């Protein structure tokens, strides 16, 4: 076993990603989302970053598709906020009578 120069050499340059490969990967990722059940027109309008995030989580995509299939297509789903009653403030203690401050000059005159 040697430990010479040939074993310590590393290439310090990394291959450059080409635009054609990037377009190909993007096309494949969009096709995956369509196969998972998403609408093709929706997928084509999505940003590449969003496509990559969804491709990484296919379970999440299936849940989204199932939720849209369960909801009626005619009416958008409305979210209703439940009204939460505000907590009642504790009974306020009666305020103490505040004496008017008398200037020092008036006190000496008295």
N, C-alpha and C. Protein backbone atom coordinates (compact mmCIF):
# COMPACT_ATOMS: atom_id res chain seq x y z
N UNK A 1 0.85 -1.17 0.00
CA UNK A 1 0.00 0.00 0.00
C UNK A 1 0.89 1.23 0.00
N UNK A 2 0.57 2.12 -0.89
CA UNK A 2 1.34 3.35 -0.96
C UNK A 2 0.54 4.50 -0.39
N UNK A 3 1.27 5.50 -0.02
CA UNK A 3 0.61 6.73 0.44
C UNK A 3 1.22 7.92 -0.29
N UNK A 4 1.63 7.67 -1.49
CA UNK A 4 2.35 8.69 -2.26
C UNK A 4 1.44 9.73 -2.88
N UNK A 5 2.05 10.47 -3.78
CA UNK A 5 1.40 11.61 -4.40
C UNK A 5 0.16 11.21 -5.18
N UNK A 6 0.17 10.08 -5.83
CA UNK A 6 -0.95 9.68 -6.68
C UNK A 6 -2.23 9.47 -5.87
N UNK A 7 -2.12 9.12 -4.62
CA UNK A 7 -3.31 8.91 -3.79
C UNK A 7 -3.83 10.20 -3.18
N UNK A 8 -3.00 11.25 -3.18
CA UNK A 8 -3.42 12.51 -2.59
C UNK A 8 -3.98 13.50 -3.61
N UNK A 9 -3.93 13.17 -4.88
CA UNK A 9 -4.37 14.10 -5.92
C UNK A 9 -5.91 14.10 -6.00
N UNK A 10 -6.48 15.27 -6.06
CA UNK A 10 -7.92 15.42 -6.23
C UNK A 10 -8.17 16.42 -7.34
N UNK A 11 -9.22 16.19 -8.08
CA UNK A 11 -9.58 17.20 -9.07
C UNK A 11 -10.32 18.32 -8.35
N UNK A 12 -9.95 19.52 -8.61
CA UNK A 12 -10.52 20.66 -7.91
C UNK A 12 -11.57 21.38 -8.74
N UNK A 13 -11.82 20.91 -9.92
CA UNK A 13 -12.86 21.53 -10.74
C UNK A 13 -14.05 20.59 -10.81
N UNK A 14 -15.23 21.18 -10.71
CA UNK A 14 -16.44 20.37 -10.78
C UNK A 14 -17.09 20.58 -12.13
N UNK A 15 -17.81 19.59 -12.61
CA UNK A 15 -18.45 19.76 -13.91
C UNK A 15 -19.51 20.86 -13.87
N UNK A 16 -19.66 21.56 -14.97
CA UNK A 16 -20.63 22.64 -15.08
C UNK A 16 -21.96 22.06 -15.53
N UNK A 17 -23.03 22.48 -14.86
CA UNK A 17 -24.36 22.01 -15.25
C UNK A 17 -24.79 22.77 -16.50
N UNK A 18 -25.26 22.05 -17.48
CA UNK A 18 -25.69 22.71 -18.72
C UNK A 18 -27.17 23.08 -18.63
N UNK A 19 -27.56 24.07 -19.40
CA UNK A 19 -28.95 24.52 -19.43
C UNK A 19 -29.86 23.45 -20.02
N UNK A 20 -29.36 22.69 -20.97
CA UNK A 20 -30.20 21.64 -21.57
C UNK A 20 -30.52 20.56 -20.54
N UNK A 21 -29.55 20.21 -19.72
CA UNK A 21 -29.80 19.22 -18.66
C UNK A 21 -30.79 19.76 -17.64
N UNK A 22 -30.68 21.04 -17.33
CA UNK A 22 -31.60 21.66 -16.37
C UNK A 22 -33.03 21.63 -16.90
N UNK A 23 -33.20 21.97 -18.18
CA UNK A 23 -34.53 21.92 -18.80
C UNK A 23 -35.08 20.50 -18.81
N UNK A 24 -34.21 19.52 -19.08
CA UNK A 24 -34.64 18.12 -19.10
C UNK A 24 -35.10 17.68 -17.72
N UNK A 25 -34.34 18.03 -16.68
CA UNK A 25 -34.72 17.66 -15.32
C UNK A 25 -36.05 18.30 -14.94
N UNK A 26 -36.21 19.57 -15.30
CA UNK A 26 -37.45 20.27 -14.98
C UNK A 26 -38.64 19.61 -15.67
N UNK A 27 -38.45 19.21 -16.91
CA UNK A 27 -39.52 18.55 -17.68
C UNK A 27 -39.90 17.22 -17.04
N UNK A 28 -38.90 16.48 -16.60
CA UNK A 28 -39.16 15.18 -15.95
C UNK A 28 -39.89 15.38 -14.63
N UNK A 29 -39.50 16.40 -13.86
CA UNK A 29 -40.14 16.66 -12.58
C UNK A 29 -41.60 17.07 -12.76
N UNK A 30 -41.87 17.88 -13.77
CA UNK A 30 -43.25 18.28 -14.05
C UNK A 30 -44.09 17.07 -14.46
N UNK A 31 -43.49 16.18 -15.24
CA UNK A 31 -44.21 14.97 -15.66
C UNK A 31 -44.53 14.09 -14.45
N UNK A 32 -43.64 14.05 -13.48
CA UNK A 32 -43.90 13.26 -12.26
C UNK A 32 -45.11 13.80 -11.51
N UNK A 33 -45.20 15.12 -11.41
CA UNK A 33 -46.34 15.72 -10.71
C UNK A 33 -47.65 15.43 -11.44
N UNK A 34 -47.62 15.44 -12.76
CA UNK A 34 -48.82 15.13 -13.53
C UNK A 34 -49.22 13.67 -13.30
N UNK A 35 -48.23 12.78 -13.25
CA UNK A 35 -48.53 11.36 -12.99
C UNK A 35 -49.10 11.14 -11.59
N UNK A 36 -48.71 12.00 -10.65
CA UNK A 36 -49.25 11.89 -9.29
C UNK A 36 -50.69 12.37 -9.20
N UNK A 37 -51.18 13.04 -10.26
CA UNK A 37 -52.58 13.43 -10.28
C UNK A 37 -52.85 14.92 -10.34
N UNK A 38 -51.81 15.73 -10.38
CA UNK A 38 -52.02 17.17 -10.45
C UNK A 38 -52.44 17.56 -11.87
N UNK A 39 -53.16 18.67 -11.96
CA UNK A 39 -53.62 19.16 -13.25
C UNK A 39 -52.42 19.70 -14.04
N UNK A 40 -52.36 19.35 -15.32
CA UNK A 40 -51.20 19.70 -16.13
C UNK A 40 -51.07 21.21 -16.32
N UNK A 41 -52.19 21.91 -16.47
CA UNK A 41 -52.12 23.36 -16.65
C UNK A 41 -51.60 24.05 -15.40
N UNK A 42 -51.98 23.53 -14.24
CA UNK A 42 -51.50 24.09 -12.97
C UNK A 42 -50.00 23.87 -12.83
N UNK A 43 -49.55 22.67 -13.18
CA UNK A 43 -48.13 22.33 -13.06
C UNK A 43 -47.29 23.19 -14.00
N UNK A 44 -47.78 23.44 -15.19
CA UNK A 44 -47.02 24.23 -16.15
C UNK A 44 -46.86 25.68 -15.72
N UNK A 45 -47.79 26.20 -14.92
CA UNK A 45 -47.72 27.58 -14.45
C UNK A 45 -46.88 27.73 -13.19
N UNK A 46 -46.50 26.62 -12.56
CA UNK A 46 -45.75 26.68 -11.31
C UNK A 46 -44.31 27.09 -11.54
N UNK A 47 -43.72 27.69 -10.52
CA UNK A 47 -42.31 28.06 -10.55
C UNK A 47 -41.46 26.80 -10.38
N UNK A 48 -40.25 26.75 -10.96
CA UNK A 48 -39.40 25.56 -10.84
C UNK A 48 -39.08 25.17 -9.40
N UNK A 49 -38.92 26.16 -8.53
CA UNK A 49 -38.60 25.88 -7.12
C UNK A 49 -39.76 25.13 -6.47
N UNK A 50 -40.99 25.56 -6.76
CA UNK A 50 -42.17 24.91 -6.19
C UNK A 50 -42.32 23.49 -6.71
N UNK A 51 -42.00 23.29 -7.99
CA UNK A 51 -42.07 21.95 -8.59
C UNK A 51 -41.10 21.02 -7.88
N UNK A 52 -39.88 21.49 -7.66
CA UNK A 52 -38.88 20.67 -6.99
C UNK A 52 -39.31 20.29 -5.58
N UNK A 53 -39.90 21.25 -4.85
CA UNK A 53 -40.34 20.98 -3.48
C UNK A 53 -41.44 19.93 -3.45
N UNK A 54 -42.37 20.01 -4.40
CA UNK A 54 -43.47 19.05 -4.42
C UNK A 54 -43.02 17.67 -4.87
N UNK A 55 -42.06 17.61 -5.79
CA UNK A 55 -41.57 16.31 -6.25
C UNK A 55 -40.89 15.56 -5.11
N UNK A 56 -40.29 16.30 -4.19
CA UNK A 56 -39.60 15.67 -3.07
C UNK A 56 -40.58 15.05 -2.08
N UNK A 57 -41.84 15.51 -2.07
CA UNK A 57 -42.82 15.01 -1.11
C UNK A 57 -44.08 14.52 -1.84
N UNK A 58 -44.02 13.32 -2.43
CA UNK A 58 -45.16 12.82 -3.19
C UNK A 58 -46.40 12.56 -2.33
N UNK A 59 -46.22 12.26 -1.06
CA UNK A 59 -47.37 12.03 -0.18
C UNK A 59 -48.17 13.32 -0.03
N UNK A 60 -47.48 14.43 0.09
CA UNK A 60 -48.12 15.72 0.21
C UNK A 60 -48.92 16.04 -1.06
N UNK A 61 -48.36 15.70 -2.21
CA UNK A 61 -49.04 15.95 -3.49
C UNK A 61 -50.32 15.12 -3.56
N UNK A 62 -50.25 13.87 -3.14
CA UNK A 62 -51.43 13.00 -3.16
C UNK A 62 -52.53 13.55 -2.25
N UNK A 63 -52.15 14.10 -1.10
CA UNK A 63 -53.14 14.68 -0.20
C UNK A 63 -53.79 15.91 -0.82
N UNK A 64 -53.01 16.72 -1.51
CA UNK A 64 -53.55 17.91 -2.16
C UNK A 64 -54.54 17.51 -3.24
N UNK A 65 -54.17 16.51 -4.04
CA UNK A 65 -55.04 16.06 -5.13
C UNK A 65 -56.32 15.45 -4.56
N UNK A 66 -56.19 14.68 -3.48
CA UNK A 66 -57.38 14.06 -2.87
C UNK A 66 -58.31 15.12 -2.29
N UNK A 67 -57.75 16.15 -1.70
CA UNK A 67 -58.57 17.22 -1.12
C UNK A 67 -59.33 17.97 -2.21
N UNK A 68 -58.68 18.21 -3.34
CA UNK A 68 -59.36 18.90 -4.44
C UNK A 68 -60.43 18.02 -5.07
N UNK A 69 -60.19 16.72 -5.11
CA UNK A 69 -61.18 15.80 -5.68
C UNK A 69 -62.40 15.70 -4.77
N UNK A 70 -62.20 15.77 -3.47
CA UNK A 70 -63.30 15.66 -2.51
C UNK A 70 -64.14 16.93 -2.48
N UNK A 71 -63.52 18.08 -2.67
CA UNK A 71 -64.24 19.35 -2.65
C UNK A 71 -64.96 19.54 -3.98
N UNK A 72 -66.16 20.14 -3.96
CA UNK A 72 -66.85 20.39 -5.22
C UNK A 72 -66.06 21.39 -6.08
N UNK A 73 -66.02 21.13 -7.37
CA UNK A 73 -65.22 21.96 -8.27
C UNK A 73 -65.88 23.31 -8.54
N UNK A 74 -67.22 23.40 -8.40
CA UNK A 74 -67.93 24.63 -8.72
C UNK A 74 -67.68 25.74 -7.70
N UNK A 75 -67.72 25.38 -6.44
CA UNK A 75 -67.60 26.39 -5.39
C UNK A 75 -66.24 26.27 -4.69
N UNK A 76 -65.55 27.38 -4.51
CA UNK A 76 -64.31 27.31 -3.75
C UNK A 76 -64.62 27.06 -2.28
N UNK A 77 -63.75 26.35 -1.64
CA UNK A 77 -63.95 26.01 -0.24
C UNK A 77 -63.71 27.24 0.63
N UNK A 78 -64.68 27.55 1.47
CA UNK A 78 -64.55 28.69 2.36
C UNK A 78 -64.06 28.21 3.72
N UNK A 79 -63.19 28.99 4.29
CA UNK A 79 -62.72 28.67 5.64
C UNK A 79 -63.49 29.54 6.61
N UNK A 80 -64.03 28.91 7.62
CA UNK A 80 -64.82 29.62 8.62
C UNK A 80 -64.01 29.67 9.90
N UNK A 81 -63.83 30.88 10.39
CA UNK A 81 -63.10 31.04 11.65
C UNK A 81 -64.08 30.92 12.79
N UNK A 82 -63.74 30.11 13.75
CA UNK A 82 -64.59 29.95 14.92
C UNK A 82 -64.43 31.17 15.82
N UNK A 83 -65.56 31.64 16.32
CA UNK A 83 -65.49 32.78 17.22
C UNK A 83 -65.13 32.30 18.61
N UNK A 84 -64.08 32.83 19.12
CA UNK A 84 -63.61 32.45 20.44
C UNK A 84 -63.99 33.57 21.40
N UNK A 85 -64.74 33.24 22.46
CA UNK A 85 -65.12 34.30 23.40
C UNK A 85 -63.89 34.81 24.13
N UNK A 86 -63.86 36.12 24.29
CA UNK A 86 -62.74 36.72 25.00
C UNK A 86 -62.88 36.44 26.49
N UNK A 87 -61.77 36.22 27.12
CA UNK A 87 -61.78 35.96 28.55
C UNK A 87 -62.19 37.24 29.28
N UNK A 88 -63.10 37.08 30.22
CA UNK A 88 -63.55 38.24 30.96
C UNK A 88 -62.46 38.73 31.90
N UNK A 89 -62.32 40.03 31.97
CA UNK A 89 -61.31 40.60 32.84
C UNK A 89 -61.78 40.47 34.28
N UNK A 90 -60.88 40.23 35.22
CA UNK A 90 -61.30 40.14 36.61
C UNK A 90 -61.88 41.48 37.07
N UNK A 91 -62.76 41.41 38.03
CA UNK A 91 -63.42 42.62 38.52
C UNK A 91 -62.35 43.61 39.01
N UNK A 92 -62.46 44.82 38.53
CA UNK A 92 -61.46 45.82 38.88
C UNK A 92 -61.67 46.27 40.32
N UNK A 93 -60.59 46.43 41.04
CA UNK A 93 -60.66 46.91 42.42
C UNK A 93 -61.01 48.39 42.40
N UNK A 94 -61.77 48.85 43.39
CA UNK A 94 -62.12 50.29 43.40
C UNK A 94 -60.86 51.13 43.52
N UNK A 95 -60.86 52.23 42.80
CA UNK A 95 -59.69 53.10 42.81
C UNK A 95 -59.63 53.90 44.10
N UNK A 96 -58.43 54.12 44.59
CA UNK A 96 -58.24 54.91 45.80
C UNK A 96 -58.41 56.38 45.46
N UNK A 97 -58.91 57.11 46.43
CA UNK A 97 -59.09 58.54 46.23
C UNK A 97 -57.72 59.20 46.18
N UNK A 98 -57.50 60.02 45.19
CA UNK A 98 -56.22 60.68 45.02
C UNK A 98 -56.35 62.10 45.56
N UNK A 99 -55.44 62.44 46.47
CA UNK A 99 -55.45 63.78 47.04
C UNK A 99 -54.77 64.73 46.07
N UNK A 100 -55.31 65.92 46.01
CA UNK A 100 -54.71 66.93 45.16
C UNK A 100 -53.42 67.40 45.79
N UNK A 101 -52.40 67.54 44.96
CA UNK A 101 -51.12 67.99 45.49
C UNK A 101 -51.15 69.50 45.68
N UNK A 102 -50.68 69.87 46.85
CA UNK A 102 -50.64 71.28 47.19
C UNK A 102 -49.20 71.75 47.04
N UNK A 103 -48.98 72.86 46.37
CA UNK A 103 -47.61 73.34 46.21
C UNK A 103 -46.97 73.64 47.57
N UNK A 104 -45.65 73.53 47.64
CA UNK A 104 -44.92 73.73 48.91
C UNK A 104 -45.11 75.15 49.43
N UNK A 105 -45.19 76.10 48.55
CA UNK A 105 -45.35 77.48 48.99
C UNK A 105 -46.68 77.64 49.70
N UNK A 106 -47.69 76.99 49.26
CA UNK A 106 -49.02 77.09 49.87
C UNK A 106 -49.02 76.40 51.23
N UNK A 107 -48.25 75.32 51.36
CA UNK A 107 -48.19 74.61 52.63
C UNK A 107 -47.53 75.49 53.70
N UNK A 108 -46.50 76.20 53.34
CA UNK A 108 -45.81 77.05 54.31
C UNK A 108 -46.68 78.23 54.75
N UNK A 109 -47.51 78.69 53.85
CA UNK A 109 -48.37 79.84 54.16
C UNK A 109 -49.45 79.43 55.14
N UNK A 110 -49.82 78.21 55.17
CA UNK A 110 -50.90 77.78 56.06
C UNK A 110 -50.50 77.70 57.47
